[in-house]
C-alpha cells in the first residue's frame, strides 16, 4: 500500500504524477469548515517549512487541532488548481514535552521514497 500512496514533500505536490499521496504536515489554521492551512517540512538542512493554502476537506465538519501534526492522505487536483483534497488523516500525537523533528520528518519522507514497500 505504501508504494501505491507515496509520501511526498510539499515541493513535490505540484509536479507529481500520482493522484493519491501522503503528506506529513502541521495544521496552522482552519479558516473555514472546508479548508485548512498547513505547514510541511521541505528541507532538513534549512528546516524550511512550506505553507500550503487552499487545502480542501472531504468531510466539512471535521475539525483539526491547530499546531498538531497529522499524516494526510490526499488527492491531487484534477482541474489544475494549486490545492489538493484531504481524503483522510491520522493524528501524530505527541506527549508532554515532546516535539516533532523537522529533520526526522524529511528523513522519513526520503526513506519512504527509497524503500516504498517498508513504510
Protein backbone atom coordinates (compact mmCIF):
# COMPACT_ATOMS: atom_id res chain seq x y z
CA UNK A 1 0.00 0.00 0.00
CA UNK A 2 2.75 2.48 0.86
CA UNK A 3 4.26 2.12 -2.61
CA UNK A 4 0.85 2.96 -4.08
CA UNK A 5 0.43 6.08 -1.94
CA UNK A 6 3.86 7.70 -1.84
CA UNK A 7 4.79 10.15 0.88
CA UNK A 8 5.66 13.48 -0.77
CA UNK A 9 7.41 16.60 0.37
CA UNK A 10 5.40 19.79 -0.19
CA UNK A 11 7.67 20.90 -3.04
CA UNK A 12 6.76 17.74 -5.00
CA UNK A 13 2.97 18.14 -4.88
CA UNK A 14 2.63 20.41 -7.92
CA UNK A 15 4.84 18.14 -10.07
CA UNK A 16 3.57 14.73 -9.05
CA UNK A 17 2.01 12.28 -11.48
CA UNK A 18 0.28 10.21 -8.78
CA UNK A 19 -3.30 11.02 -7.93
CA UNK A 20 -3.20 9.83 -4.28
CA UNK A 21 -0.31 10.70 -1.95
CA UNK A 22 0.57 11.09 1.73
CA UNK A 23 1.83 14.23 3.42
CA UNK A 24 3.07 14.89 6.95
CA UNK A 25 2.09 18.39 7.99
CA UNK A 26 1.23 20.64 10.91
CA UNK A 27 -2.13 22.41 10.97
CA UNK A 28 -1.68 26.19 11.03
CA UNK A 29 -5.36 27.16 10.97
CA UNK A 30 -8.79 26.12 9.85
CA UNK A 31 -10.21 29.31 8.34
CA UNK A 32 -13.43 27.64 7.15
CA UNK A 33 -15.16 24.33 7.69
CA UNK A 34 -13.99 23.02 4.32
CA UNK A 35 -10.39 24.31 4.12
CA UNK A 36 -7.13 24.07 6.04
CA UNK A 37 -3.81 25.87 6.05
CA UNK A 38 -0.86 23.54 6.65
CA UNK A 39 2.90 23.76 7.11
CA UNK A 40 5.03 20.87 5.95
CA UNK A 41 8.80 20.37 6.18
CA UNK A 42 10.71 20.51 2.93
CA UNK A 43 14.45 20.62 3.63
CA UNK A 44 16.33 19.05 6.55
CA UNK A 45 19.35 21.36 6.25
CA UNK A 46 17.45 24.63 6.48
CA UNK A 47 14.47 23.15 8.37
CA UNK A 48 12.29 25.09 5.93
CA UNK A 49 8.54 24.70 6.36
CA UNK A 50 6.36 25.34 3.32
CA UNK A 51 2.89 26.79 3.92
CA UNK A 52 0.13 25.09 1.94
CA UNK A 53 -3.03 27.13 1.40
CA UNK A 54 -6.23 26.08 -0.34
CA UNK A 55 -6.27 22.58 1.16
CA UNK A 56 -9.80 21.26 0.71
CA UNK A 57 -11.50 18.76 3.03
CA UNK A 58 -13.86 15.95 2.02
CA UNK A 59 -15.54 15.99 5.43
CA UNK A 60 -16.58 19.57 6.06
CA UNK A 61 -17.46 19.18 9.72
CA UNK A 62 -14.16 17.58 10.81
CA UNK A 63 -12.04 19.89 12.92
CA UNK A 64 -8.29 19.74 13.37
CA UNK A 65 -6.23 20.95 16.31
CA UNK A 66 -4.02 23.92 15.45
CA UNK A 67 -0.27 23.19 15.84
CA UNK A 68 -0.98 19.43 15.84
CA UNK A 69 0.88 17.14 13.39
CA UNK A 70 -1.03 14.79 11.08
CA UNK A 71 -0.32 12.45 8.23
CA UNK A 72 -2.79 13.31 5.49
CA UNK A 73 -3.97 11.04 2.68
CA UNK A 74 -4.55 13.43 -0.21
CA UNK A 75 -5.85 13.51 -3.74
CA UNK A 76 -4.18 15.76 -6.28
CA UNK A 77 -6.37 18.29 -8.04
CA UNK A 78 -7.73 17.17 -11.42
CA UNK A 79 -8.53 20.67 -12.57
CA UNK A 80 -5.00 22.05 -12.46
CA UNK A 81 -5.66 24.00 -9.28
CA UNK A 82 -2.81 24.57 -6.87
CA UNK A 83 -4.67 22.99 -3.97
CA UNK A 84 -5.43 19.38 -3.16
CA UNK A 85 -8.11 17.41 -1.36
CA UNK A 86 -7.66 15.68 2.01
CA UNK A 87 -9.34 12.27 1.94
CA UNK A 88 -8.35 11.13 5.42
CA UNK A 89 -5.86 11.88 8.17
CA UNK A 90 -4.14 10.30 11.12
CA UNK A 91 -3.08 12.35 14.12
CA UNK A 92 0.56 12.15 15.19
CA UNK A 93 0.06 12.65 18.94
CA UNK A 94 2.97 13.91 20.98
CA UNK A 95 3.16 13.56 24.73
CA UNK A 96 4.02 16.46 27.01
CA UNK A 97 7.47 17.99 26.35
CA UNK A 98 7.81 16.14 23.02
CA UNK A 99 8.25 17.89 19.69
CA UNK A 100 8.36 16.80 16.07
CA UNK A 101 11.81 16.91 14.49
CA UNK A 102 11.79 18.63 11.10
CA UNK A 103 14.91 16.69 10.14
CA UNK A 104 13.20 13.47 11.19
CA UNK A 105 10.14 14.13 9.05
CA UNK A 106 12.28 14.94 6.00
CA UNK A 107 14.39 11.81 6.64
CA UNK A 108 11.19 9.73 6.81
CA UNK A 109 10.00 11.20 3.50
CA UNK A 110 13.35 10.39 1.88
CA UNK A 111 13.47 6.84 3.29
CA UNK A 112 9.91 6.20 2.13
CA UNK A 113 10.95 7.14 -1.42
CA UNK A 114 13.96 4.82 -1.38
CA UNK A 115 12.15 1.91 0.27
CA UNK A 116 8.44 2.34 -0.57
CA UNK A 117 7.46 -1.19 0.47
CA UNK A 118 8.76 -0.81 4.02
CA UNK A 119 6.51 2.04 5.12
